[in-house]
Amino acid sequence: MGDFFFAFTDGVAVTGTVEITAHNVSSQFHNFEVLGAAEGSEIIEADGEETGVGTVEVFPGEWTVICNVPGHRAAGMETTMTVYATEEEAQEAIEAGETDVDRDAADEPVL
């Protein structure tokens, strides 16, 4: 997470409990909320230049991710996250280059 953006740099999500590590490279507070995630899912929070860790409960499909700090979503902190049905499906997506992971952003310590 940074000043009004999200970038996925590692891993893929598979149905069930997904652990999210959110690195905040901004100087201000941000969070990572998966809209519609199952009850018990966490909103992962991180103060400026800190890291937050939490879990979300999701099933296969496209999920909207936002920062729910007032004004942050409108400023660009909204993206989607793909959740795969099985490890095999996720591996096929990785091999085909069809994942959410932005390899160009991998040099930056962001989510």
Protein backbone atom coordinates (compact mmCIF):
# COMPACT_ATOMS: atom_id res chain seq x y z
CA MET A 1 0.00 0.00 0.00
CA GLY A 2 1.20 3.45 -0.78
CA ASP A 3 -0.11 6.92 -1.33
CA PHE A 4 -3.42 5.96 -2.89
CA PHE A 5 -2.50 2.67 -4.57
CA PHE A 6 -2.29 -1.07 -3.97
CA ALA A 7 0.21 -3.39 -5.70
CA PHE A 8 0.32 -7.16 -5.23
CA THR A 9 3.93 -8.35 -5.30
CA ASP A 10 3.81 -11.94 -4.07
CA GLY A 11 1.50 -14.91 -3.83
CA VAL A 12 -1.96 -15.84 -5.03
CA ALA A 13 -5.17 -16.39 -3.10
CA VAL A 14 -6.90 -19.78 -2.94
CA THR A 15 -10.37 -20.41 -1.49
CA GLY A 16 -10.62 -20.38 2.28
CA THR A 17 -8.60 -18.46 4.81
CA VAL A 18 -6.08 -16.20 3.09
CA GLU A 19 -3.33 -14.48 5.05
CA ILE A 20 -2.61 -10.95 3.86
CA THR A 21 0.58 -9.06 4.66
CA ALA A 22 0.09 -5.38 3.91
CA HIS A 23 3.28 -3.32 3.71
CA ASN A 24 2.50 0.38 3.94
CA VAL A 25 5.22 2.39 2.19
CA SER A 26 3.32 5.63 2.75
CA SER A 27 3.80 7.98 5.69
CA GLN A 28 0.07 7.87 6.47
CA PHE A 29 -2.28 5.21 7.86
CA HIS A 30 -3.95 2.85 5.34
CA ASN A 31 -5.94 -0.36 5.51
CA PHE A 32 -6.84 -3.33 3.32
CA GLU A 33 -10.52 -4.34 3.30
CA VAL A 34 -11.94 -7.08 1.08
CA LEU A 35 -15.53 -6.11 0.38
CA GLY A 36 -17.97 -8.98 0.89
CA ALA A 37 -15.49 -11.29 2.61
CA ALA A 38 -17.03 -13.77 5.05
CA GLU A 39 -17.77 -12.88 8.64
CA GLY A 40 -14.64 -13.12 10.75
CA SER A 41 -12.47 -11.59 8.03
CA GLU A 42 -10.18 -8.85 9.20
CA ILE A 43 -9.52 -5.36 7.92
CA ILE A 44 -5.73 -5.27 7.85
CA GLU A 45 -4.36 -1.96 9.12
CA ALA A 46 -0.92 -0.40 8.98
CA ASP A 47 0.39 2.91 10.22
CA GLY A 48 2.79 4.81 7.98
CA GLU A 49 5.85 2.76 7.01
CA GLU A 50 4.58 -0.22 9.03
CA THR A 51 3.21 -3.68 8.15
CA GLY A 52 -0.12 -5.19 9.04
CA VAL A 53 -1.03 -8.89 8.89
CA GLY A 54 -4.47 -10.47 9.00
CA THR A 55 -6.74 -13.04 7.40
CA VAL A 56 -9.79 -12.94 5.15
CA GLU A 57 -12.26 -15.71 4.31
CA VAL A 58 -12.99 -15.81 0.57
CA PHE A 59 -14.18 -18.12 -2.20
CA PRO A 60 -13.29 -18.19 -5.93
CA GLY A 61 -13.86 -15.07 -7.97
CA GLU A 62 -12.93 -11.41 -8.23
CA TRP A 63 -13.00 -9.41 -5.00
CA THR A 64 -12.91 -5.66 -4.56
CA VAL A 65 -10.22 -4.41 -2.19
CA ILE A 66 -10.34 -0.89 -0.76
CA CYS A 67 -8.77 1.37 1.82
CA ASN A 68 -11.76 2.52 3.87
CA VAL A 69 -10.08 5.60 5.35
CA PRO A 70 -12.34 8.52 4.32
CA GLY A 71 -11.31 9.81 0.89
CA HIS A 72 -8.71 7.13 0.18
CA ARG A 73 -10.91 4.90 -2.00
CA ALA A 74 -11.99 7.90 -4.09
CA ALA A 75 -8.33 8.90 -4.44
CA GLY A 76 -7.47 5.55 -6.05
CA MET A 77 -7.15 2.97 -3.27
CA GLU A 78 -9.40 0.39 -4.90
CA THR A 79 -8.35 -2.71 -6.79
CA THR A 80 -9.45 -6.30 -7.37
CA MET A 81 -8.06 -9.53 -6.06
CA THR A 82 -8.54 -12.86 -7.83
CA VAL A 83 -9.22 -15.91 -5.66
CA TYR A 84 -8.66 -19.33 -7.23
CA ALA A 85 -10.66 -22.49 -6.47
CA THR A 86 -7.68 -24.82 -6.00
CA GLU A 87 -3.90 -24.77 -5.68
CA GLU A 88 -3.73 -26.40 -9.13
CA GLU A 89 -5.83 -23.62 -10.69
CA ALA A 90 -3.64 -21.02 -9.01
CA GLN A 91 -0.46 -22.71 -10.28
CA GLU A 92 -1.85 -22.78 -13.82
CA ALA A 93 -2.61 -19.04 -13.58
CA ILE A 94 0.92 -18.35 -12.32
CA GLU A 95 2.45 -20.33 -15.18
CA ALA A 96 0.25 -18.51 -17.71
CA GLY A 97 1.14 -15.11 -16.22
CA GLU A 98 -2.51 -14.45 -15.33
CA THR A 99 -2.16 -13.52 -11.65
CA ASP A 100 -2.67 -10.22 -9.81
CA VAL A 101 1.04 -10.05 -9.00
CA ASP A 102 2.74 -7.00 -10.50
CA ARG A 103 6.31 -8.18 -11.01
CA ASP A 104 7.35 -4.63 -11.97
CA ALA A 105 6.35 -3.54 -8.46
CA ALA A 106 8.25 -6.39 -6.81
CA ASP A 107 11.20 -4.12 -6.12
CA GLU A 108 8.96 -1.92 -3.97
CA PRO A 109 7.99 -3.27 -0.54
CA VAL A 110 4.23 -3.04 -1.13
CA LEU A 111 1.40 -5.53 -0.90
